[in-house]
Structure formats: structure tokens, C-alpha cells
PDB file of N, CA and C in Angstrom:
ATOM      1  N   MET A   1     -30.494  11.161 -20.048  1.00  0.00           N
ATOM      2  CA  MET A   1     -30.348   9.999 -19.185  1.00  0.00           C
ATOM      3  C   MET A   1     -30.708   8.753 -19.974  1.00  0.00           C
ATOM      4  N   GLN A   2     -30.078   7.670 -19.657  1.00  0.00           N
ATOM      5  CA  GLN A   2     -30.256   6.435 -20.409  1.00  0.00           C
ATOM      6  C   GLN A   2     -31.524   5.684 -20.039  1.00  0.00           C
ATOM      7  N   LEU A   3     -32.129   6.007 -18.928  1.00  0.00           N
ATOM      8  CA  LEU A   3     -33.345   5.310 -18.511  1.00  0.00           C
ATOM      9  C   LEU A   3     -34.550   5.822 -19.288  1.00  0.00           C
ATOM     10  N   GLN A   4     -35.393   4.902 -19.703  1.00  0.00           N
ATOM     11  CA  GLN A   4     -36.622   5.248 -20.397  1.00  0.00           C
ATOM     12  C   GLN A   4     -37.812   4.813 -19.540  1.00  0.00           C
ATOM     13  N   PRO A   5     -38.712   5.733 -19.210  1.00  0.00           N
ATOM     14  CA  PRO A   5     -39.885   5.362 -18.413  1.00  0.00           C
ATOM     15  C   PRO A   5     -40.781   4.389 -19.186  1.00  0.00           C
ATOM     16  N   VAL A   6     -41.438   3.522 -18.451  1.00  0.00           N
ATOM     17  CA  VAL A   6     -42.377   2.569 -19.047  1.00  0.00           C
ATOM     18  C   VAL A   6     -43.710   2.664 -18.308  1.00  0.00           C
ATOM     19  N   ARG A   7     -44.775   2.327 -19.022  1.00  0.00           N
ATOM     20  CA  ARG A   7     -46.106   2.229 -18.404  1.00  0.00           C
ATOM     21  C   ARG A   7     -46.323   0.764 -18.046  1.00  0.00           C
ATOM     22  N   TYR A   8     -46.927   0.555 -16.879  1.00  0.00           N
ATOM     23  CA  TYR A   8     -47.181  -0.830 -16.472  1.00  0.00           C
ATOM     24  C   TYR A   8     -48.395  -0.884 -15.554  1.00  0.00           C
ATOM     25  N   GLU A   9     -48.922  -2.089 -15.413  1.00  0.00           N
ATOM     26  CA  GLU A   9     -50.011  -2.364 -14.478  1.00  0.00           C
ATOM     27  C   GLU A   9     -49.632  -3.599 -13.679  1.00  0.00           C
ATOM     28  N   TYR A  10     -49.981  -3.607 -12.417  1.00  0.00           N
ATOM     29  CA  TYR A  10     -49.749  -4.794 -11.603  1.00  0.00           C
ATOM     30  C   TYR A  10     -50.843  -5.812 -11.890  1.00  0.00           C
ATOM     31  N   LYS A  11     -50.452  -7.064 -11.922  1.00  0.00           N
ATOM     32  CA  LYS A  11     -51.449  -8.124 -12.073  1.00  0.00           C
ATOM     33  C   LYS A  11     -52.265  -8.201 -10.789  1.00  0.00           C
ATOM     34  N   PRO A  12     -53.552  -8.524 -10.893  1.00  0.00           N
ATOM     35  CA  PRO A  12     -54.397  -8.602  -9.691  1.00  0.00           C
ATOM     36  C   PRO A  12     -53.847  -9.564  -8.632  1.00  0.00           C
ATOM     37  N   ASP A  13     -53.253 -10.655  -9.061  1.00  0.00           N
ATOM     38  CA  ASP A  13     -52.730 -11.648  -8.113  1.00  0.00           C
ATOM     39  C   ASP A  13     -51.193 -11.672  -8.140  1.00  0.00           C
ATOM     40  N   ASN A  14     -50.588 -10.470  -8.114  1.00  0.00           N
ATOM     41  CA  ASN A  14     -49.120 -10.396  -8.229  1.00  0.00           C
ATOM     42  C   ASN A  14     -48.444 -11.006  -6.999  1.00  0.00           C
ATOM     43  N   ALA A  15     -47.224 -11.477  -7.211  1.00  0.00           N
ATOM     44  CA  ALA A  15     -46.477 -12.201  -6.179  1.00  0.00           C
ATOM     45  C   ALA A  15     -46.122 -11.330  -4.978  1.00  0.00           C
ATOM     46  N   LEU A  16     -46.100 -10.022  -5.168  1.00  0.00           N
ATOM     47  CA  LEU A  16     -45.754  -9.129  -4.053  1.00  0.00           C
ATOM     48  C   LEU A  16     -46.976  -8.755  -3.227  1.00  0.00           C
ATOM     49  N   GLY A  17     -48.147  -9.152  -3.695  1.00  0.00           N
ATOM     50  CA  GLY A  17     -49.371  -8.860  -2.948  1.00  0.00           C
ATOM     51  C   GLY A  17     -49.781  -7.398  -2.992  1.00  0.00           C
ATOM     52  N   LEU A  18     -49.343  -6.688  -4.011  1.00  0.00           N
ATOM     53  CA  LEU A  18     -49.680  -5.269  -4.137  1.00  0.00           C
ATOM     54  C   LEU A  18     -51.122  -5.128  -4.604  1.00  0.00           C
ATOM     55  N   LYS A  19     -51.894  -4.334  -3.895  1.00  0.00           N
ATOM     56  CA  LYS A  19     -53.308  -4.113  -4.217  1.00  0.00           C
ATOM     57  C   LYS A  19     -53.476  -2.760  -4.905  1.00  0.00           C
ATOM     58  N   VAL A  20     -52.785  -2.598  -6.004  1.00  0.00           N
ATOM     59  CA  VAL A  20     -52.813  -1.338  -6.718  1.00  0.00           C
ATOM     60  C   VAL A  20     -53.407  -1.582  -8.101  1.00  0.00           C
ATOM     61  N   SER A  21     -54.360  -0.736  -8.475  1.00  0.00           N
ATOM     62  CA  SER A  21     -54.950  -0.899  -9.799  1.00  0.00           C
ATOM     63  C   SER A  21     -54.644   0.325 -10.653  1.00  0.00           C
ATOM     64  N   GLY A  22     -54.795   0.158 -11.947  1.00  0.00           N
ATOM     65  CA  GLY A  22     -54.546   1.263 -12.868  1.00  0.00           C
ATOM     66  C   GLY A  22     -53.113   1.270 -13.371  1.00  0.00           C
ATOM     67  N   GLN A  23     -52.873   2.158 -14.307  1.00  0.00           N
ATOM     68  CA  GLN A  23     -51.547   2.261 -14.906  1.00  0.00           C
ATOM     69  C   GLN A  23     -50.591   3.067 -14.032  1.00  0.00           C
ATOM     70  N   HIS A  24     -49.335   2.682 -14.129  1.00  0.00           N
ATOM     71  CA  HIS A  24     -48.252   3.383 -13.424  1.00  0.00           C
ATOM     72  C   HIS A  24     -47.162   3.699 -14.438  1.00  0.00           C
ATOM     73  N   ILE A  25     -46.342   4.645 -14.101  1.00  0.00           N
ATOM     74  CA  ILE A  25     -45.192   4.974 -14.933  1.00  0.00           C
ATOM     75  C   ILE A  25     -43.961   4.869 -14.042  1.00  0.00           C
ATOM     76  N   GLY A  26     -42.954   4.210 -14.538  1.00  0.00           N
ATOM     77  CA  GLY A  26     -41.730   4.060 -13.764  1.00  0.00           C
ATOM     78  C   GLY A  26     -40.623   3.480 -14.622  1.00  0.00           C
ATOM     79  N   PHE A  27     -39.647   2.922 -13.975  1.00  0.00           N
ATOM     80  CA  PHE A  27     -38.504   2.337 -14.657  1.00  0.00           C
ATOM     81  C   PHE A  27     -38.441   0.854 -14.357  1.00  0.00           C
ATOM     82  N   GLY A  28     -38.042   0.077 -15.340  1.00  0.00           N
ATOM     83  CA  GLY A  28     -37.848  -1.351 -15.122  1.00  0.00           C
ATOM     84  C   GLY A  28     -36.637  -1.581 -14.240  1.00  0.00           C
ATOM     85  N   ALA A  29     -36.779  -2.462 -13.276  1.00  0.00           N
ATOM     86  CA  ALA A  29     -35.694  -2.714 -12.317  1.00  0.00           C
ATOM     87  C   ALA A  29     -34.421  -3.185 -13.007  1.00  0.00           C
ATOM     88  N   GLN A  30     -34.559  -4.026 -14.025  1.00  0.00           N
ATOM     89  CA  GLN A  30     -33.370  -4.530 -14.721  1.00  0.00           C
ATOM     90  C   GLN A  30     -32.626  -3.396 -15.421  1.00  0.00           C
ATOM     91  N   ALA A  31     -33.360  -2.472 -16.018  1.00  0.00           N
ATOM     92  CA  ALA A  31     -32.725  -1.333 -16.688  1.00  0.00           C
ATOM     93  C   ALA A  31     -32.033  -0.428 -15.679  1.00  0.00           C
ATOM     94  N   VAL A  32     -32.699  -0.178 -14.567  1.00  0.00           N
ATOM     95  CA  VAL A  32     -32.114   0.669 -13.515  1.00  0.00           C
ATOM     96  C   VAL A  32     -30.857   0.019 -12.956  1.00  0.00           C
ATOM     97  N   GLN A  33     -30.931  -1.279 -12.755  1.00  0.00           N
ATOM     98  CA  GLN A  33     -29.801  -2.016 -12.153  1.00  0.00           C
ATOM     99  C   GLN A  33     -28.530  -1.866 -12.994  1.00  0.00           C
ATOM    100  N   LYS A  34     -28.667  -1.791 -14.323  1.00  0.00           N
ATOM    101  CA  LYS A  34     -27.507  -1.650 -15.201  1.00  0.00           C
ATOM    102  C   LYS A  34     -26.872  -0.266 -15.085  1.00  0.00           C
ATOM    103  N   ILE A  35     -27.700   0.746 -14.803  1.00  0.00           N
ATOM    104  CA  ILE A  35     -27.218   2.123 -14.826  1.00  0.00           C
ATOM    105  C   ILE A  35     -26.956   2.674 -13.426  1.00  0.00           C
ATOM    106  N   ILE A  36     -27.871   2.379 -12.490  1.00  0.00           N
ATOM    107  CA  ILE A  36     -27.745   2.863 -11.109  1.00  0.00           C
ATOM    108  C   ILE A  36     -27.971   1.661 -10.182  1.00  0.00           C
ATOM    109  N   PRO A  37     -26.984   0.793 -10.059  1.00  0.00           N
ATOM    110  CA  PRO A  37     -27.180  -0.447  -9.293  1.00  0.00           C
ATOM    111  C   PRO A  37     -27.578  -0.220  -7.829  1.00  0.00           C
ATOM    112  N   GLU A  38     -27.143   0.888  -7.253  1.00  0.00           N
ATOM    113  CA  GLU A  38     -27.479   1.141  -5.848  1.00  0.00           C
ATOM    114  C   GLU A  38     -28.960   1.457  -5.649  1.00  0.00           C
ATOM    115  N   ALA A  39     -29.691   1.655  -6.739  1.00  0.00           N
ATOM    116  CA  ALA A  39     -31.122   1.951  -6.641  1.00  0.00           C
ATOM    117  C   ALA A  39     -31.980   0.686  -6.664  1.00  0.00           C
ATOM    118  N   VAL A  40     -31.347  -0.471  -6.804  1.00  0.00           N
ATOM    119  CA  VAL A  40     -32.101  -1.724  -6.921  1.00  0.00           C
ATOM    120  C   VAL A  40     -31.677  -2.695  -5.818  1.00  0.00           C
ATOM    121  N   THR A  41     -32.676  -3.283  -5.176  1.00  0.00           N
ATOM    122  CA  THR A  41     -32.421  -4.328  -4.175  1.00  0.00           C
ATOM    123  C   THR A  41     -33.257  -5.547  -4.549  1.00  0.00           C
ATOM    124  N   LYS A  42     -32.926  -6.640  -3.915  1.00  0.00           N
ATOM    125  CA  LYS A  42     -33.662  -7.880  -4.151  1.00  0.00           C
ATOM    126  C   LYS A  42     -34.320  -8.276  -2.840  1.00  0.00           C
ATOM    127  N   ASN A  43     -35.617  -8.583  -2.899  1.00  0.00           N
ATOM    128  CA  ASN A  43     -36.295  -8.975  -1.661  1.00  0.00           C
ATOM    129  C   ASN A  43     -36.075 -10.461  -1.377  1.00  0.00           C
ATOM    130  N   ASP A  44     -36.636 -10.947  -0.274  1.00  0.00           N
ATOM    131  CA  ASP A  44     -36.411 -12.345   0.137  1.00  0.00           C
ATOM    132  C   ASP A  44     -37.015 -13.365  -0.828  1.00  0.00           C
ATOM    133  N   LYS A  45     -37.927 -12.906  -1.706  1.00  0.00           N
ATOM    134  CA  LYS A  45     -38.512 -13.805  -2.705  1.00  0.00           C
ATOM    135  C   LYS A  45     -37.772 -13.742  -4.036  1.00  0.00           C
ATOM    136  N   GLY A  46     -36.726 -12.925  -4.093  1.00  0.00           N
ATOM    137  CA  GLY A  46     -35.927 -12.823  -5.303  1.00  0.00           C
ATOM    138  C   GLY A  46     -36.389 -11.764  -6.290  1.00  0.00           C
ATOM    139  N   TYR A  47     -37.377 -10.961  -5.909  1.00  0.00           N
ATOM    140  CA  TYR A  47     -37.872  -9.918  -6.801  1.00  0.00           C
ATOM    141  C   TYR A  47     -37.026  -8.652  -6.655  1.00  0.00           C
ATOM    142  N   LEU A  48     -36.801  -8.004  -7.792  1.00  0.00           N
ATOM    143  CA  LEU A  48     -36.042  -6.757  -7.775  1.00  0.00           C
ATOM    144  C   LEU A  48     -36.975  -5.602  -7.423  1.00  0.00           C
ATOM    145  N   LEU A  49     -36.493  -4.740  -6.528  1.00  0.00           N
ATOM    146  CA  LEU A  49     -37.259  -3.576  -6.096  1.00  0.00           C
ATOM    147  C   LEU A  49     -36.453  -2.320  -6.399  1.00  0.00           C
ATOM    148  N   VAL A  50     -37.146  -1.297  -6.899  1.00  0.00           N
ATOM    149  CA  VAL A  50     -36.486  -0.038  -7.256  1.00  0.00           C
ATOM    150  C   VAL A  50     -36.721   0.987  -6.153  1.00  0.00           C
ATOM    151  N   ASN A  51     -35.623   1.590  -5.690  1.00  0.00           N
ATOM    152  CA  ASN A  51     -35.681   2.705  -4.749  1.00  0.00           C
ATOM    153  C   ASN A  51     -35.460   3.974  -5.580  1.00  0.00           C
ATOM    154  N   ASN A  52     -36.441   4.845  -5.634  1.00  0.00           N
ATOM    155  CA  ASN A  52     -36.367   6.026  -6.499  1.00  0.00           C
ATOM    156  C   ASN A  52     -35.414   7.109  -6.008  1.00  0.00           C
ATOM    157  N   ASP A  53     -35.046   7.103  -4.731  1.00  0.00           N
ATOM    158  CA  ASP A  53     -34.170   8.168  -4.215  1.00  0.00           C
ATOM    159  C   ASP A  53     -32.850   8.274  -4.979  1.00  0.00           C
ATOM    160  N   PRO A  54     -32.102   7.172  -5.163  1.00  0.00           N
ATOM    161  CA  PRO A  54     -30.850   7.305  -5.931  1.00  0.00           C
ATOM    162  C   PRO A  54     -31.084   7.777  -7.369  1.00  0.00           C
ATOM    163  N   ILE A  55     -32.224   7.395  -7.941  1.00  0.00           N
ATOM    164  CA  ILE A  55     -32.540   7.844  -9.302  1.00  0.00           C
ATOM    165  C   ILE A  55     -32.735   9.359  -9.299  1.00  0.00           C
ATOM    166  N   LEU A  56     -33.474   9.859  -8.317  1.00  0.00           N
ATOM    167  CA  LEU A  56     -33.719  11.303  -8.236  1.00  0.00           C
ATOM    168  C   LEU A  56     -32.418  12.081  -8.051  1.00  0.00           C
ATOM    169  N   TRP A  57     -31.529  11.577  -7.191  1.00  0.00           N
ATOM    170  CA  TRP A  57     -30.260  12.281  -6.965  1.00  0.00           C
ATOM    171  C   TRP A  57     -29.396  12.249  -8.220  1.00  0.00           C
ATOM    172  N   THR A  58     -29.422  11.133  -8.927  1.00  0.00           N
ATOM    173  CA  THR A  58     -28.669  11.030 -10.178  1.00  0.00           C
ATOM    174  C   THR A  58     -29.215  12.015 -11.200  1.00  0.00           C
ATOM    175  N   MET A  59     -30.549  12.100 -11.279  1.00  0.00           N
ATOM    176  CA  MET A  59     -31.172  13.050 -12.208  1.00  0.00           C
ATOM    177  C   MET A  59     -30.849  14.486 -11.818  1.00  0.00           C
ATOM    178  N   LEU A  60     -30.870  14.783 -10.534  1.00  0.00           N
ATOM    179  CA  LEU A  60     -30.543  16.131 -10.073  1.00  0.00           C
ATOM    180  C   LEU A  60     -29.112  16.499 -10.464  1.00  0.00           C
ATOM    181  N   ASN A  61     -28.182  15.572 -10.268  1.00  0.00           N
ATOM    182  CA  ASN A  61     -26.797  15.834 -10.647  1.00  0.00           C
ATOM    183  C   ASN A  61     -26.665  16.026 -12.159  1.00  0.00           C
ATOM    184  N   ALA A  62     -27.426  15.261 -12.937  1.00  0.00           N
ATOM    185  CA  ALA A  62     -27.404  15.418 -14.398  1.00  0.00           C
ATOM    186  C   ALA A  62     -27.932  16.799 -14.791  1.00  0.00           C
ATOM    187  N   ILE A  63     -28.974  17.256 -14.113  1.00  0.00           N
ATOM    188  CA  ILE A  63     -29.531  18.582 -14.390  1.00  0.00           C
ATOM    189  C   ILE A  63     -28.512  19.667 -14.039  1.00  0.00           C
ATOM    190  N   LYS A  64     -27.837  19.502 -12.910  1.00  0.00           N
ATOM    191  CA  LYS A  64     -26.810  20.473 -12.524  1.00  0.00           C
ATOM    192  C   LYS A  64     -25.696  20.532 -13.569  1.00  0.00           C
ATOM    193  N   GLU A  65     -25.285  19.371 -14.057  1.00  0.00           N
ATOM    194  CA  GLU A  65     -24.230  19.311 -15.071  1.00  0.00           C
ATOM    195  C   GLU A  65     -24.691  19.995 -16.360  1.00  0.00           C
ATOM    196  N   GLN A  66     -25.923  19.736 -16.756  1.00  0.00           N
ATOM    197  CA  GLN A  66     -26.461  20.397 -17.936  1.00  0.00           C
ATOM    198  C   GLN A  66     -26.506  21.909 -17.743  1.00  0.00           C
ATOM    199  N   GLN A  67     -26.877  22.342 -16.568  1.00  0.00           N
ATOM    200  CA  GLN A  67     -26.946  23.776 -16.287  1.00  0.00           C
ATOM    201  C   GLN A  67     -25.566  24.414 -16.397  1.00  0.00           C
ATOM    202  N   ARG A  68     -24.536  23.717 -15.897  1.00  0.00           N
ATOM    203  CA  ARG A  68     -23.166  24.231 -16.032  1.00  0.00           C
ATOM    204  C   ARG A  68     -22.791  24.352 -17.507  1.00  0.00           C
ATOM    205  N   GLU A  69     -23.150  23.337 -18.294  1.00  0.00           N
ATOM    206  CA  GLU A  69     -22.848  23.370 -19.724  1.00  0.00           C
ATOM    207  C   GLU A  69     -23.579  24.525 -20.402  1.00  0.00           C
ATOM    208  N   ILE A  70     -24.822  24.753 -20.044  1.00  0.00           N
ATOM    209  CA  ILE A  70     -25.594  25.859 -20.612  1.00  0.00           C
ATOM    210  C   ILE A  70     -24.941  27.185 -20.254  1.00  0.00           C
ATOM    211  N   GLN A  71     -24.514  27.331 -19.006  1.00  0.00           N
ATOM    212  CA  GLN A  71     -23.869  28.577 -18.586  1.00  0.00           C
ATOM    213  C   GLN A  71     -22.550  28.790 -19.327  1.00  0.00           C
ATOM    214  N   ASP A  72     -21.775  27.703 -19.508  1.00  0.00           N
ATOM    215  CA  ASP A  72     -20.523  27.807 -20.258  1.00  0.00           C
ATOM    216  C   ASP A  72     -20.797  28.232 -21.701  1.00  0.00           C
ATOM    217  N   GLN A  73     -21.806  27.626 -22.312  1.00  0.00           N
ATOM    218  CA  GLN A  73     -22.146  27.978 -23.692  1.00  0.00           C
ATOM    219  C   GLN A  73     -22.645  29.418 -23.785  1.00  0.00           C
ATOM    220  N   HIS A  74     -23.397  29.835 -22.784  1.00  0.00           N
ATOM    221  CA  HIS A  74     -23.873  31.228 -22.761  1.00  0.00           C
ATOM    222  C   HIS A  74     -22.688  32.189 -22.687  1.00  0.00           C
ATOM    223  N   GLN A  75     -21.726  31.859 -21.855  1.00  0.00           N
ATOM    224  CA  GLN A  75     -20.548  32.711 -21.717  1.00  0.00           C
ATOM    225  C   GLN A  75     -19.759  32.745 -23.033  1.00  0.00           C
ATOM    226  N   GLN A  76     -19.594  31.582 -23.678  1.00  0.00           N
ATOM    227  CA  GLN A  76     -18.891  31.538 -24.958  1.00  0.00           C
ATOM    228  C   GLN A  76     -19.632  32.357 -26.013  1.00  0.00           C
ATOM    229  N   LEU A  77     -20.948  32.247 -26.021  1.00  0.00           N
ATOM    230  CA  LEU A  77     -21.757  33.007 -26.967  1.00  0.00           C
ATOM    231  C   LEU A  77     -21.589  34.509 -26.735  1.00  0.00           C
ATOM    232  N   GLN A  78     -21.591  34.914 -25.479  1.00  0.00           N
ATOM    233  CA  GLN A  78     -21.421  36.324 -25.147  1.00  0.00           C
ATOM    234  C   GLN A  78     -20.051  36.820 -25.613  1.00  0.00           C
ATOM    235  N   GLN A  79     -19.021  36.000 -25.431  1.00  0.00           N
ATOM    236  CA  GLN A  79     -17.679  36.382 -25.878  1.00  0.00           C
ATOM    237  C   GLN A  79     -17.644  36.536 -27.400  1.00  0.00           C
ATOM    238  N   LYS A  80     -18.314  35.616 -28.091  1.00  0.00           N
ATOM    239  CA  LYS A  80     -18.341  35.683 -29.550  1.00  0.00           C
ATOM    240  C   LYS A  80     -19.116  36.920 -30.025  1.00  0.00           C
ATOM    241  N   ARG A  81     -20.196  37.250 -29.341  1.00  0.00           N
ATOM    242  CA  ARG A  81     -20.954  38.457 -29.694  1.00  0.00           C
ATOM    243  C   ARG A  81     -20.089  39.701 -29.532  1.00  0.00           C
ATOM    244  N   THR A  82     -19.353  39.759 -28.429  1.00  0.00           N
ATOM    245  CA  THR A  82     -18.468  40.900 -28.181  1.00  0.00           C
ATOM    246  C   THR A  82     -17.406  40.986 -29.272  1.00  0.00           C
ATOM    247  N   HIS A  83     -16.842  39.845 -29.638  1.00  0.00           N
ATOM    248  CA  HIS A  83     -15.825  39.806 -30.683  1.00  0.00           C
ATOM    249  C   HIS A  83     -16.401  40.268 -32.025  1.00  0.00           C
ATOM    250  N   ILE A  84     -17.607  39.828 -32.350  1.00  0.00           N
ATOM    251  CA  ILE A  84     -18.265  40.226 -33.596  1.00  0.00           C
ATOM    252  C   ILE A  84     -18.524  41.729 -33.597  1.00  0.00           C
ATOM    253  N   GLU A  85     -18.975  42.275 -32.463  1.00  0.00           N
ATOM    254  CA  GLU A  85     -19.213  43.722 -32.375  1.00  0.00           C
ATOM    255  C   GLU A  85     -17.930  44.503 -32.640  1.00  0.00           C
ATOM    256  N   LYS A  86     -16.815  44.019 -32.082  1.00  0.00           N
ATOM    257  CA  LYS A  86     -15.527  44.690 -32.312  1.00  0.00           C
ATOM    258  C   LYS A  86     -15.141  44.619 -33.786  1.00  0.00           C
ATOM    259  N   LEU A  87     -15.347  43.453 -34.398  1.00  0.00           N
ATOM    260  CA  LEU A  87     -15.019  43.290 -35.812  1.00  0.00           C
ATOM    261  C   LEU A  87     -15.911  44.187 -36.679  1.00  0.00           C
ATOM    262  N   GLU A  88     -17.177  44.299 -36.326  1.00  0.00           N
ATOM    263  CA  GLU A  88     -18.085  45.168 -37.080  1.00  0.00           C
ATOM    264  C   GLU A  88     -17.661  46.623 -36.964  1.00  0.00           C
ATOM    265  N   THR A  89     -17.222  47.027 -35.779  1.00  0.00           N
ATOM    266  CA  THR A  89     -16.744  48.398 -35.580  1.00  0.00           C
ATOM    267  C   THR A  89     -15.501  48.651 -36.434  1.00  0.00           C
ATOM    268  N   ARG A  90     -14.574  47.710 -36.450  1.00  0.00           N
ATOM    269  CA  ARG A  90     -13.357  47.845 -37.260  1.00  0.00           C
ATOM    270  C   ARG A  90     -13.694  47.894 -38.745  1.00  0.00           C
ATOM    271  N   LEU A  91     -14.640  47.035 -39.158  1.00  0.00           N
ATOM    272  CA  LEU A  91     -15.041  47.009 -40.559  1.00  0.00           C
ATOM    273  C   LEU A  91     -15.656  48.347 -40.969  1.00  0.00           C
ATOM    274  N   ALA A  92     -16.509  48.889 -40.115  1.00  0.00           N
ATOM    275  CA  ALA A  92     -17.125  50.186 -40.409  1.00  0.00           C
ATOM    276  C   ALA A  92     -16.060  51.267 -40.536  1.00  0.00           C
ATOM    277  N   ALA A  93     -15.064  51.241 -39.653  1.00  0.00           N
ATOM    278  CA  ALA A  93     -13.984  52.228 -39.713  1.00  0.00           C
ATOM    279  C   ALA A  93     -13.185  52.065 -41.001  1.00  0.00           C
ATOM    280  N   LEU A  94     -12.917  50.837 -41.402  1.00  0.00           N
ATOM    281  CA  LEU A  94     -12.186  50.579 -42.649  1.00  0.00           C
ATOM    282  C   LEU A  94     -12.990  51.053 -43.865  1.00  0.00           C
ATOM    283  N   GLU A  95     -14.294  50.822 -43.838  1.00  0.00           N
ATOM    284  CA  GLU A  95     -15.145  51.272 -44.940  1.00  0.00           C
ATOM    285  C   GLU A  95     -15.109  52.792 -45.069  1.00  0.00           C
ATOM    286  N   ILE A  96     -15.113  53.472 -43.937  1.00  0.00           N
ATOM    287  CA  ILE A  96     -15.032  54.944 -43.951  1.00  0.00           C
ATOM    288  C   ILE A  96     -13.693  55.383 -44.519  1.00  0.00           C
ATOM    289  N   MET A  97     -12.611  54.700 -44.113  1.00  0.00           N
ATOM    290  CA  MET A  97     -11.276  55.043 -44.614  1.00  0.00           C
ATOM    291  C   MET A  97     -11.189  54.840 -46.125  1.00  0.00           C
ATOM    292  N   VAL A  98     -11.741  53.729 -46.608  1.00  0.00           N
ATOM    293  CA  VAL A  98     -11.706  53.449 -48.046  1.00  0.00           C
ATOM    294  C   VAL A  98     -12.513  54.507 -48.799  1.00  0.00           C
ATOM    295  N   LYS A  99     -13.647  54.874 -48.264  1.00  0.00           N
ATOM    296  CA  LYS A  99     -14.497  55.895 -48.894  1.00  0.00           C
ATOM    297  C   LYS A  99     -13.750  57.226 -48.982  1.00  0.00           C
ATOM    298  N   LYS A 100     -13.073  57.611 -47.884  1.00  0.00           N
ATOM    299  CA  LYS A 100     -12.312  58.868 -47.869  1.00  0.00           C
ATOM    300  C   LYS A 100     -11.177  58.822 -48.889  1.00  0.00           C
ATOM    301  N   MET A 101     -10.492  57.691 -48.955  1.00  0.00           N
ATOM    302  CA  MET A 101      -9.376  57.557 -49.898  1.00  0.00           C
ATOM    303  C   MET A 101      -9.882  57.635 -51.332  1.00  0.00           C
ATOM    304  N   THR A 102     -11.034  57.074 -51.605  1.00  0.00           N
ATOM    305  CA  THR A 102     -11.610  57.104 -52.942  1.00  0.00           C
ATOM    306  C   THR A 102     -11.988  58.529 -53.321  1.00  0.00           C
ATOM    307  N   VAL A 103     -12.556  59.262 -52.381  1.00  0.00           N
ATOM    308  CA  VAL A 103     -12.951  60.658 -52.622  1.00  0.00           C
ATOM    309  C   VAL A 103     -11.711  61.526 -52.841  1.00  0.00           C
ATOM    310  N   GLN A 104     -10.649  61.320 -52.062  1.00  0.00           N
ATOM    311  CA  GLN A 104      -9.432  62.123 -52.183  1.00  0.00           C
ATOM    312  C   GLN A 104      -8.738  61.879 -53.518  1.00  0.00           C
ATOM    313  N   ARG A 105      -8.745  60.677 -54.033  1.00  0.00           N
ATOM    314  CA  ARG A 105      -8.081  60.342 -55.289  1.00  0.00           C
ATOM    315  C   ARG A 105      -8.869  60.855 -56.477  1.00  0.00           C
ATOM    316  N   GLY A 106     -10.126  60.939 -56.311  1.00  0.00           N
ATOM    317  CA  GLY A 106     -10.968  61.342 -57.433  1.00  0.00           C
ATOM    318  C   GLY A 106     -11.354  60.118 -58.244  1.00  0.00           C
ATOM    319  N   PRO A 107     -12.216  60.335 -59.232  1.00  0.00           N
ATOM    320  CA  PRO A 107     -12.657  59.191 -60.042  1.00  0.00           C
ATOM    321  C   PRO A 107     -11.536  58.671 -60.930  1.00  0.00           C
ATOM    322  N   ARG A 108     -11.512  57.409 -61.179  1.00  0.00           N
ATOM    323  CA  ARG A 108     -10.512  56.767 -62.049  1.00  0.00           C
ATOM    324  C   ARG A 108     -10.941  56.876 -63.493  1.00  0.00           C
ATOM    325  N   ARG A 109      -9.982  56.973 -64.343  1.00  0.00           N
ATOM    326  CA  ARG A 109     -10.291  57.068 -65.783  1.00  0.00           C
ATOM    327  C   ARG A 109      -9.816  55.869 -66.502  1.00  0.00           C
TER     328      ARG A 109
END
């Protein structure tokens, strides 16, 4: 995902009147607005506010897509393993045939 979490602290006298202390982790509203505009609103004072629900749904869909890709790759890998096993079986049979032919001809002079 293109969003990068940031650490932040609210100023004691912030314009939104939030009485929260300590560090928080989240996304910058401007960054979110570029990627998931429906997750950002503007309040009556002009401040951007982030609604995490659309972000969570977007992340869930990204995880589902990744899971599909993993399953596809797993299936391709399984097909390749099966193909390699068949080739190894054929190679072993060819090696046996060559060995038999060498024994039947006898040593070369």
C-alpha cells in the first residue's frame, strides 16, 4: 500500500480542542486524500479529518488480492513440481535404457 504510517502528537492547544496526550500512529490526511479521497473530509474550520473505515476496507481488499496472487503462485509452483517429477522419471528411464544399451554392446575398443 502506498500509505506510510506516521507518529504524531497533538499540540496541547490544538485548534480542534483535542485533549489527547502522548504519541499516536496514523496517516497524514493529505497523503490519504491523494490515495483514498473518500476517507477524508473537511470540517467547518477547514481542517482535514481522516475516517479510518475506508482505509480498512481498502487494506482488506488489498490483502484479499494478495491472497489470490499467493494461491495462483502456489498452484503454478505445484504444476511445475509435477512437471519436474515427470521429467525426472523420464530421465531415470532414459538412463536405464542407455545403461542397458551400453551393457549389450560391450566395451568399446
